[in-house]
Amino acid sequence: MDNSTQDFIATAVSFNNGVVQLDLADGSAHAFPVQYYPRLCNASTSDLAQVCLRVGGRALRWEALDEDIWVADAILQNYPKHTSEAVAEAPAKYH
């Protein structure tokens, strides 16, 4: 089966020791570290533990962090690209 067309539905979600654990409707489980998501990696343990399922088990939501993650993206490892914040040099002063 082609995983890109499979509908991944979580029946339970939990957070423990920096890892989000998903129980899926097909009986399997999946886990991923929060470090893959910029809004999660620096969040407090109490905020991370307040995750809930949305969209019929197809999405994860952290209300306090304003973060939503599609379950399919987490399972297929479609993690956000980490971009470095570049700072431009101050403009040259010409006289």
Protein backbone atom coordinates (compact mmCIF):
# COMPACT_ATOMS: atom_id res chain seq x y z
CA MET A 1 0.00 0.00 0.00
CA ASP A 2 1.19 3.51 -0.78
CA ASN A 3 1.57 5.35 2.55
CA SER A 4 1.11 8.74 0.90
CA THR A 5 -2.58 7.97 0.30
CA GLN A 6 -3.27 6.20 3.59
CA ASP A 7 -5.49 8.01 6.08
CA PHE A 8 -3.65 8.02 9.42
CA ILE A 9 -6.02 8.37 12.37
CA ALA A 10 -4.83 8.60 15.95
CA THR A 11 -7.01 7.25 18.74
CA ALA A 12 -4.78 8.48 21.59
CA VAL A 13 -1.90 10.90 22.08
CA SER A 14 0.44 11.41 25.01
CA PHE A 15 3.68 13.21 25.81
CA ASN A 16 6.53 11.82 27.90
CA ASN A 17 10.26 12.63 28.17
CA GLY A 18 10.41 14.80 25.05
CA VAL A 19 8.49 12.34 22.86
CA VAL A 20 4.95 12.48 21.50
CA GLN A 21 3.36 9.02 21.37
CA LEU A 22 0.46 8.23 19.04
CA ASP A 23 -1.79 5.19 19.11
CA LEU A 24 -3.32 4.67 15.69
CA ALA A 25 -6.71 3.28 14.66
CA ASP A 26 -5.04 0.39 12.82
CA GLY A 27 -3.51 -0.82 16.13
CA SER A 28 -0.01 0.47 15.45
CA ALA A 29 1.86 3.16 17.34
CA HIS A 30 4.17 5.97 16.30
CA ALA A 31 6.39 8.29 18.30
CA PHE A 32 8.41 11.38 17.43
CA PRO A 33 10.64 13.74 19.42
CA VAL A 34 9.40 17.29 19.94
CA GLN A 35 12.77 18.64 18.80
CA TYR A 36 11.61 18.27 15.18
CA TYR A 37 9.07 21.07 15.64
CA PRO A 38 10.30 24.61 16.38
CA ARG A 39 7.27 25.61 18.50
CA LEU A 40 7.51 22.45 20.57
CA CYS A 41 11.23 22.10 21.18
CA ASN A 42 11.45 24.99 23.67
CA ALA A 43 8.04 24.56 25.27
CA SER A 44 7.51 23.66 28.91
CA THR A 45 6.71 20.10 29.89
CA SER A 46 3.32 21.17 31.20
CA ASP A 47 2.43 22.88 27.89
CA LEU A 48 3.59 19.86 25.89
CA ALA A 49 1.47 17.52 28.00
CA GLN A 50 -1.65 19.50 27.03
CA VAL A 51 -1.90 17.97 23.56
CA CYS A 52 -5.25 16.85 22.18
CA LEU A 53 -6.57 15.19 19.05
CA ARG A 54 -8.56 17.17 16.50
CA VAL A 55 -10.14 16.63 13.07
CA GLY A 56 -11.31 13.11 13.89
CA GLY A 57 -7.86 12.02 15.07
CA ARG A 58 -6.06 13.39 12.02
CA ALA A 59 -4.42 16.35 13.77
CA LEU A 60 -2.68 17.21 17.02
CA ARG A 61 -3.32 20.52 18.79
CA TRP A 62 -1.42 22.39 21.49
CA GLU A 63 -3.70 25.31 22.31
CA ALA A 64 -1.25 27.14 24.63
CA LEU A 65 1.49 26.89 21.99
CA ASP A 66 -0.77 27.67 19.01
CA GLU A 67 0.61 24.58 17.25
CA ASP A 68 -1.18 22.11 14.99
CA ILE A 69 0.45 19.06 13.43
CA TRP A 70 -1.14 16.67 10.97
CA VAL A 71 -0.80 13.08 12.18
CA ALA A 72 0.11 11.96 8.65
CA ASP A 73 2.96 14.49 8.48
CA ALA A 74 4.41 13.21 11.76
CA ILE A 75 4.16 9.58 10.66
CA LEU A 76 5.59 10.25 7.18
CA GLN A 77 8.33 12.40 8.74
CA ASN A 78 7.29 15.54 6.88
CA TYR A 79 8.87 17.70 9.56
CA PRO A 80 9.17 21.47 9.14
CA LYS A 81 12.42 22.74 7.75
CA HIS A 82 14.53 24.44 10.38
CA THR A 83 15.68 27.74 9.03
CA SER A 84 18.44 29.73 10.60
CA GLU A 85 17.56 33.27 11.37
CA ALA A 86 20.05 35.29 9.39
CA VAL A 87 20.69 38.85 10.35
CA ALA A 88 21.70 41.21 7.63
CA GLU A 89 24.63 43.50 8.21
CA ALA A 90 23.87 47.10 8.95
CA PRO A 91 23.69 49.13 5.75
CA ALA A 92 26.89 50.88 4.80
CA LYS A 93 26.98 54.59 5.40
CA TYR A 94 28.08 56.49 2.34
CA HIS A 95 28.97 60.16 2.53
